[in-house]
Amino acid sequence: GCLGALAKIATEVHGIDVSRILAGGVSRDRPGFQISCGDVRRLDFPNDRFDLIFSNSTLDHFASKTDITDSIAEFFRALAPSGMLLITLDNPMNPVVWCRNLLPQRPLKATGLVPYFMGETLSMRELVAALDGAGFRVLERRYLMHAPRVFRLHLLRLIEKFPALSGAVLSAMLGAELAAGFPTSTVSGHFSAVLAQKPEGSG
């Protein structure tokens, strides 16, 4: 869903997914983008390859926090000096995320609410520390998606049935983002987001 936005700011866009089926499907549906099957912990790209890496809540599907830090190290390696990393992870301080992570995976999958494996995540403090440890310079940090998840899902289903309501629904969802300015944003945001840079002169 982010390919179009990335294409507006980039001369070429690469994407990877661990699922060969999914990567192949996206390649067929979105010609012009370079989509491949791969493991983010061991990127099949040379050093200093990219000016921007966007990790859109991809690292919180691993079974261990070591997998997350290994992936961040790979991002650093694959970024060119002065390159930017935009990364989001599930916010474990959010009560919904916290409760979901306590529940067994199989019942969650059976309900359809969480149809895929949810793994470890990092708090904002841990994420910033992991980025610092990999050599990144953290530029910005914030919490995103403050509308309750169940509320968002119902609104999106409403758009599917009544497309004419899309403007009003999107306005309501964006209005919830005003919570980002409140001290409670650390628990209302579903995602932690950080913009970081690989310093010039880094190899």
C-alpha atoms as a PDB file:
ATOM      1  CA  GLY A   1       0.000   0.000   0.000  1.00  0.00           C
ATOM      2  CA  CYS A   2       2.999   2.329   0.358  1.00  0.00           C
ATOM      3  CA  LEU A   3       4.546   1.707  -3.053  1.00  0.00           C
ATOM      4  CA  GLY A   4       2.739   4.571  -4.774  1.00  0.00           C
ATOM      5  CA  ALA A   5       3.779   7.110  -2.134  1.00  0.00           C
ATOM      6  CA  LEU A   6       7.396   5.929  -2.248  1.00  0.00           C
ATOM      7  CA  ALA A   7       7.435   6.087  -6.049  1.00  0.00           C
ATOM      8  CA  LYS A   8       6.635   9.815  -5.869  1.00  0.00           C
ATOM      9  CA  ILE A   9       9.911  10.542  -4.065  1.00  0.00           C
ATOM     10  CA  ALA A  10      12.210   7.886  -5.529  1.00  0.00           C
ATOM     11  CA  THR A  11      13.655   6.991  -8.924  1.00  0.00           C
ATOM     12  CA  GLU A  12      13.389   3.292  -8.042  1.00  0.00           C
ATOM     13  CA  VAL A  13      11.521   1.369  -5.357  1.00  0.00           C
ATOM     14  CA  HIS A  14      12.494  -2.062  -4.044  1.00  0.00           C
ATOM     15  CA  GLY A  15      10.386  -4.183  -1.749  1.00  0.00           C
ATOM     16  CA  ILE A  16      10.976  -7.486  -0.005  1.00  0.00           C
ATOM     17  CA  ASP A  17       8.782  -9.996   1.769  1.00  0.00           C
ATOM     18  CA  VAL A  18       9.644 -13.314   3.372  1.00  0.00           C
ATOM     19  CA  SER A  19       6.711 -14.909   1.509  1.00  0.00           C
ATOM     20  CA  ARG A  20       7.594 -15.872  -2.064  1.00  0.00           C
ATOM     21  CA  ILE A  21       3.880 -16.059  -2.903  1.00  0.00           C
ATOM     22  CA  LEU A  22       3.175 -12.546  -1.634  1.00  0.00           C
ATOM     23  CA  ALA A  23       6.269 -11.064  -3.290  1.00  0.00           C
ATOM     24  CA  GLY A  24       5.329 -12.699  -6.593  1.00  0.00           C
ATOM     25  CA  GLY A  25       1.752 -11.452  -6.353  1.00  0.00           C
ATOM     26  CA  VAL A  26       2.824  -7.866  -5.737  1.00  0.00           C
ATOM     27  CA  SER A  27       5.309  -8.084  -8.635  1.00  0.00           C
ATOM     28  CA  ARG A  28       2.481  -9.114 -10.967  1.00  0.00           C
ATOM     29  CA  ASP A  29       0.007  -6.547  -9.670  1.00  0.00           C
ATOM     30  CA  ARG A  30       2.404  -3.600  -9.502  1.00  0.00           C
ATOM     31  CA  PRO A  31       4.745  -3.723 -12.513  1.00  0.00           C
ATOM     32  CA  GLY A  32       7.605  -1.241 -12.405  1.00  0.00           C
ATOM     33  CA  PHE A  33       8.493  -1.981  -8.796  1.00  0.00           C
ATOM     34  CA  GLN A  34      11.317  -4.351  -7.920  1.00  0.00           C
ATOM     35  CA  ILE A  35       9.802  -6.815  -5.463  1.00  0.00           C
ATOM     36  CA  SER A  36      11.708  -9.861  -4.251  1.00  0.00           C
ATOM     37  CA  CYS A  37      11.532 -12.583  -1.618  1.00  0.00           C
ATOM     38  CA  GLY A  38      14.038 -12.046   1.157  1.00  0.00           C
ATOM     39  CA  ASP A  39      14.882 -11.984   4.852  1.00  0.00           C
ATOM     40  CA  VAL A  40      15.330  -8.544   6.369  1.00  0.00           C
ATOM     41  CA  ARG A  41      17.853  -9.961   8.844  1.00  0.00           C
ATOM     42  CA  ARG A  42      20.145 -10.811   5.918  1.00  0.00           C
ATOM     43  CA  LEU A  43      19.418  -8.356   3.134  1.00  0.00           C
ATOM     44  CA  ASP A  44      20.530  -9.428  -0.314  1.00  0.00           C
ATOM     45  CA  PHE A  45      21.778  -5.946  -1.182  1.00  0.00           C
ATOM     46  CA  PRO A  46      25.287  -4.459  -1.205  1.00  0.00           C
ATOM     47  CA  ASN A  47      26.584  -1.977   1.362  1.00  0.00           C
ATOM     48  CA  ASP A  48      25.505   1.666   1.021  1.00  0.00           C
ATOM     49  CA  ARG A  49      22.793   0.753  -1.522  1.00  0.00           C
ATOM     50  CA  PHE A  50      19.803   2.895  -0.529  1.00  0.00           C
ATOM     51  CA  ASP A  51      19.062   6.521   0.317  1.00  0.00           C
ATOM     52  CA  LEU A  52      15.877   5.610   2.220  1.00  0.00           C
ATOM     53  CA  ILE A  53      14.636   2.475   3.951  1.00  0.00           C
ATOM     54  CA  PHE A  54      11.028   2.318   5.150  1.00  0.00           C
ATOM     55  CA  SER A  55      10.238  -0.467   7.615  1.00  0.00           C
ATOM     56  CA  ASN A  56       6.490  -0.330   8.106  1.00  0.00           C
ATOM     57  CA  SER A  57       5.824  -2.436  11.223  1.00  0.00           C
ATOM     58  CA  THR A  58       7.697  -5.364   9.689  1.00  0.00           C
ATOM     59  CA  LEU A  59      10.088  -6.208  12.516  1.00  0.00           C
ATOM     60  CA  ASP A  60       7.447  -6.955  15.171  1.00  0.00           C
ATOM     61  CA  HIS A  61       6.685 -10.352  13.626  1.00  0.00           C
ATOM     62  CA  PHE A  62       9.890 -11.998  14.851  1.00  0.00           C
ATOM     63  CA  ALA A  63      10.100 -14.366  17.797  1.00  0.00           C
ATOM     64  CA  SER A  64      13.002 -12.553  19.505  1.00  0.00           C
ATOM     65  CA  LYS A  65      14.265  -9.035  20.050  1.00  0.00           C
ATOM     66  CA  THR A  66      17.640 -10.142  18.706  1.00  0.00           C
ATOM     67  CA  ASP A  67      15.998 -10.573  15.298  1.00  0.00           C
ATOM     68  CA  ILE A  68      14.884  -6.933  15.489  1.00  0.00           C
ATOM     69  CA  THR A  69      18.352  -5.623  16.357  1.00  0.00           C
ATOM     70  CA  ASP A  70      19.930  -7.815  13.664  1.00  0.00           C
ATOM     71  CA  SER A  71      17.546  -6.285  11.127  1.00  0.00           C
ATOM     72  CA  ILE A  72      18.369  -2.755  12.261  1.00  0.00           C
ATOM     73  CA  ALA A  73      22.073  -3.536  11.776  1.00  0.00           C
ATOM     74  CA  GLU A  74      21.278  -4.689   8.237  1.00  0.00           C
ATOM     75  CA  PHE A  75      19.399  -1.457   7.560  1.00  0.00           C
ATOM     76  CA  PHE A  76      22.456   0.484   8.648  1.00  0.00           C
ATOM     77  CA  ARG A  77      24.720  -1.566   6.370  1.00  0.00           C
ATOM     78  CA  ALA A  78      22.464  -1.203   3.327  1.00  0.00           C
ATOM     79  CA  LEU A  79      21.935   2.558   3.740  1.00  0.00           C
ATOM     80  CA  ALA A  80      24.243   5.030   2.043  1.00  0.00           C
ATOM     81  CA  PRO A  81      25.940   7.598   4.296  1.00  0.00           C
ATOM     82  CA  SER A  82      23.384  10.326   5.157  1.00  0.00           C
ATOM     83  CA  GLY A  83      20.646   7.835   4.207  1.00  0.00           C
ATOM     84  CA  MET A  84      17.400   7.858   6.168  1.00  0.00           C
ATOM     85  CA  LEU A  85      15.535   5.095   7.994  1.00  0.00           C
ATOM     86  CA  LEU A  86      11.841   5.457   8.793  1.00  0.00           C
ATOM     87  CA  ILE A  87      10.797   2.644  11.098  1.00  0.00           C
ATOM     88  CA  THR A  88       7.618   1.788  12.977  1.00  0.00           C
ATOM     89  CA  LEU A  89       6.970  -0.946  15.543  1.00  0.00           C
ATOM     90  CA  ASP A  90       3.968  -1.958  17.634  1.00  0.00           C
ATOM     91  CA  ASN A  91       3.914   0.155  20.783  1.00  0.00           C
ATOM     92  CA  PRO A  92       3.941  -2.256  23.770  1.00  0.00           C
ATOM     93  CA  MET A  93       2.753   0.564  26.062  1.00  0.00           C
ATOM     94  CA  ASN A  94      -0.604   0.653  24.246  1.00  0.00           C
ATOM     95  CA  PRO A  95      -3.105  -1.386  26.340  1.00  0.00           C
ATOM     96  CA  VAL A  96      -4.592  -3.127  23.282  1.00  0.00           C
ATOM     97  CA  VAL A  97      -1.163  -4.156  21.997  1.00  0.00           C
ATOM     98  CA  TRP A  98      -0.094  -5.190  25.493  1.00  0.00           C
ATOM     99  CA  CYS A  99      -3.169  -7.391  26.002  1.00  0.00           C
ATOM    100  CA  ARG A 100      -2.909  -8.888  22.515  1.00  0.00           C
ATOM    101  CA  ASN A 101       0.697  -9.872  23.138  1.00  0.00           C
ATOM    102  CA  LEU A 102      -0.287 -11.682  26.344  1.00  0.00           C
ATOM    103  CA  LEU A 103      -2.837 -13.884  24.574  1.00  0.00           C
ATOM    104  CA  PRO A 104      -1.985 -17.175  22.830  1.00  0.00           C
ATOM    105  CA  GLN A 105      -1.473 -16.798  19.085  1.00  0.00           C
ATOM    106  CA  ARG A 106      -3.743 -19.638  17.958  1.00  0.00           C
ATOM    107  CA  PRO A 107      -7.038 -18.315  19.438  1.00  0.00           C
ATOM    108  CA  LEU A 108      -6.272 -14.829  18.089  1.00  0.00           C
ATOM    109  CA  LYS A 109      -5.741 -16.250  14.617  1.00  0.00           C
ATOM    110  CA  ALA A 110      -8.939 -18.293  14.853  1.00  0.00           C
ATOM    111  CA  THR A 111     -10.998 -15.170  15.594  1.00  0.00           C
ATOM    112  CA  GLY A 112      -9.620 -13.418  12.506  1.00  0.00           C
ATOM    113  CA  LEU A 113      -8.665 -10.357  14.544  1.00  0.00           C
ATOM    114  CA  VAL A 114      -4.939 -11.111  14.188  1.00  0.00           C
ATOM    115  CA  PRO A 115      -4.578 -13.447  11.181  1.00  0.00           C
ATOM    116  CA  TYR A 116      -0.773 -13.535  11.288  1.00  0.00           C
ATOM    117  CA  PHE A 117       1.964 -14.223  13.806  1.00  0.00           C
ATOM    118  CA  MET A 118       2.723 -11.348  16.159  1.00  0.00           C
ATOM    119  CA  GLY A 119       6.140 -11.480  17.760  1.00  0.00           C
ATOM    120  CA  GLU A 120       8.340  -9.353  19.944  1.00  0.00           C
ATOM    121  CA  THR A 121       8.479  -5.586  19.757  1.00  0.00           C
ATOM    122  CA  LEU A 122      10.509  -2.812  21.376  1.00  0.00           C
ATOM    123  CA  SER A 123       9.392   0.094  23.486  1.00  0.00           C
ATOM    124  CA  MET A 124      10.273   3.543  22.178  1.00  0.00           C
ATOM    125  CA  ARG A 125      13.184   3.689  24.620  1.00  0.00           C
ATOM    126  CA  GLU A 126      14.440   0.291  23.480  1.00  0.00           C
ATOM    127  CA  LEU A 127      14.003   1.183  19.804  1.00  0.00           C
ATOM    128  CA  VAL A 128      15.975   4.395  20.159  1.00  0.00           C
ATOM    129  CA  ALA A 129      18.703   2.539  22.077  1.00  0.00           C
ATOM    130  CA  ALA A 130      18.876  -0.139  19.371  1.00  0.00           C
ATOM    131  CA  LEU A 131      19.195   2.505  16.658  1.00  0.00           C
ATOM    132  CA  ASP A 132      21.892   4.333  18.628  1.00  0.00           C
ATOM    133  CA  GLY A 133      23.726   1.059  19.159  1.00  0.00           C
ATOM    134  CA  ALA A 134      23.698   0.320  15.422  1.00  0.00           C
ATOM    135  CA  GLY A 135      25.251   3.721  14.679  1.00  0.00           C
ATOM    136  CA  PHE A 136      22.177   5.710  13.656  1.00  0.00           C
ATOM    137  CA  ARG A 137      21.482   9.296  14.653  1.00  0.00           C
ATOM    138  CA  VAL A 138      17.847   9.594  15.795  1.00  0.00           C
ATOM    139  CA  LEU A 139      16.178  12.700  14.357  1.00  0.00           C
ATOM    140  CA  GLU A 140      12.509  12.363  15.314  1.00  0.00           C
ATOM    141  CA  ARG A 141      10.312  10.079  17.351  1.00  0.00           C
ATOM    142  CA  ARG A 142       6.554   9.959  17.870  1.00  0.00           C
ATOM    143  CA  TYR A 143       3.553   7.706  18.423  1.00  0.00           C
ATOM    144  CA  LEU A 144       1.073   7.041  15.604  1.00  0.00           C
ATOM    145  CA  MET A 145      -2.455   5.698  15.035  1.00  0.00           C
ATOM    146  CA  HIS A 146      -4.312   6.860  18.122  1.00  0.00           C
ATOM    147  CA  ALA A 147      -7.795   5.763  17.071  1.00  0.00           C
ATOM    148  CA  PRO A 148      -8.689   2.474  18.817  1.00  0.00           C
ATOM    149  CA  ARG A 149      -8.020  -0.486  16.506  1.00  0.00           C
ATOM    150  CA  VAL A 150     -11.562  -1.918  16.680  1.00  0.00           C
ATOM    151  CA  PHE A 151     -12.951   1.548  15.907  1.00  0.00           C
ATOM    152  CA  ARG A 152     -10.652   1.851  12.883  1.00  0.00           C
ATOM    153  CA  LEU A 153     -11.606  -1.575  11.553  1.00  0.00           C
ATOM    154  CA  HIS A 154     -15.325  -0.795  11.711  1.00  0.00           C
ATOM    155  CA  LEU A 155     -14.790   2.541   9.991  1.00  0.00           C
ATOM    156  CA  LEU A 156     -12.779   0.953   7.191  1.00  0.00           C
ATOM    157  CA  ARG A 157     -15.477  -1.680   6.673  1.00  0.00           C
ATOM    158  CA  LEU A 158     -17.981   1.155   6.484  1.00  0.00           C
ATOM    159  CA  ILE A 159     -15.987   2.718   3.639  1.00  0.00           C
ATOM    160  CA  GLU A 160     -16.086  -0.587   1.752  1.00  0.00           C
ATOM    161  CA  LYS A 161     -19.883  -0.658   1.949  1.00  0.00           C
ATOM    162  CA  PHE A 162     -20.464   3.069   1.519  1.00  0.00           C
ATOM    163  CA  PRO A 163     -17.584   4.664  -0.474  1.00  0.00           C
ATOM    164  CA  ALA A 164     -19.312   8.057  -0.379  1.00  0.00           C
ATOM    165  CA  LEU A 165     -18.547   8.204   3.349  1.00  0.00           C
ATOM    166  CA  SER A 166     -14.797   7.850   2.829  1.00  0.00           C
ATOM    167  CA  GLY A 167     -14.092  11.568   3.315  1.00  0.00           C
ATOM    168  CA  ALA A 168     -15.958  11.760   6.621  1.00  0.00           C
ATOM    169  CA  VAL A 169     -14.492   8.492   7.867  1.00  0.00           C
ATOM    170  CA  LEU A 170     -10.935   9.501   7.049  1.00  0.00           C
ATOM    171  CA  SER A 171     -11.493  12.880   8.727  1.00  0.00           C
ATOM    172  CA  ALA A 172     -12.644  11.101  11.881  1.00  0.00           C
ATOM    173  CA  MET A 173      -9.598   8.855  11.872  1.00  0.00           C
ATOM    174  CA  LEU A 174      -7.229  11.750  11.289  1.00  0.00           C
ATOM    175  CA  GLY A 175      -8.967  13.688  14.057  1.00  0.00           C
ATOM    176  CA  ALA A 176      -7.942  10.983  16.490  1.00  0.00           C
ATOM    177  CA  GLU A 177      -4.325  11.815  15.693  1.00  0.00           C
ATOM    178  CA  LEU A 178      -4.731  15.019  17.733  1.00  0.00           C
ATOM    179  CA  ALA A 179      -4.025  12.720  20.673  1.00  0.00           C
ATOM    180  CA  ALA A 180      -0.393  12.712  19.524  1.00  0.00           C
ATOM    181  CA  GLY A 181      -0.010  16.079  21.225  1.00  0.00           C
ATOM    182  CA  PHE A 182      -1.193  14.852  24.620  1.00  0.00           C
ATOM    183  CA  PRO A 183       1.002  13.368  27.366  1.00  0.00           C
ATOM    184  CA  THR A 184      -1.093  10.202  27.035  1.00  0.00           C
ATOM    185  CA  SER A 185       0.232   9.624  23.492  1.00  0.00           C
ATOM    186  CA  THR A 186       2.704   7.073  24.889  1.00  0.00           C
ATOM    187  CA  VAL A 187      -0.211   4.734  25.614  1.00  0.00           C
ATOM    188  CA  SER A 188      -2.820   5.796  23.032  1.00  0.00           C
ATOM    189  CA  GLY A 189      -0.534   5.350  20.004  1.00  0.00           C
ATOM    190  CA  HIS A 190      -0.570   1.879  18.456  1.00  0.00           C
ATOM    191  CA  PHE A 191       2.828   2.371  16.826  1.00  0.00           C
ATOM    192  CA  SER A 192       6.184   3.854  17.787  1.00  0.00           C
ATOM    193  CA  ALA A 193       7.749   5.696  14.844  1.00  0.00           C
ATOM    194  CA  VAL A 194      11.336   6.900  14.525  1.00  0.00           C
ATOM    195  CA  LEU A 195      13.176   8.761  11.791  1.00  0.00           C
ATOM    196  CA  ALA A 196      16.916   8.092  11.939  1.00  0.00           C
ATOM    197  CA  GLN A 197      19.934   8.874   9.772  1.00  0.00           C
ATOM    198  CA  LYS A 198      23.147   7.050   8.980  1.00  0.00           C
ATOM    199  CA  PRO A 199      25.852   9.654   9.671  1.00  0.00           C
ATOM    200  CA  GLU A 200      28.002  10.951   6.841  1.00  0.00           C
ATOM    201  CA  GLY A 201      31.318   9.125   6.753  1.00  0.00           C
ATOM    202  CA  SER A 202      29.850   5.899   8.161  1.00  0.00           C
ATOM    203  CA  GLY A 203      30.935   2.746   6.357  1.00  0.00           C
END
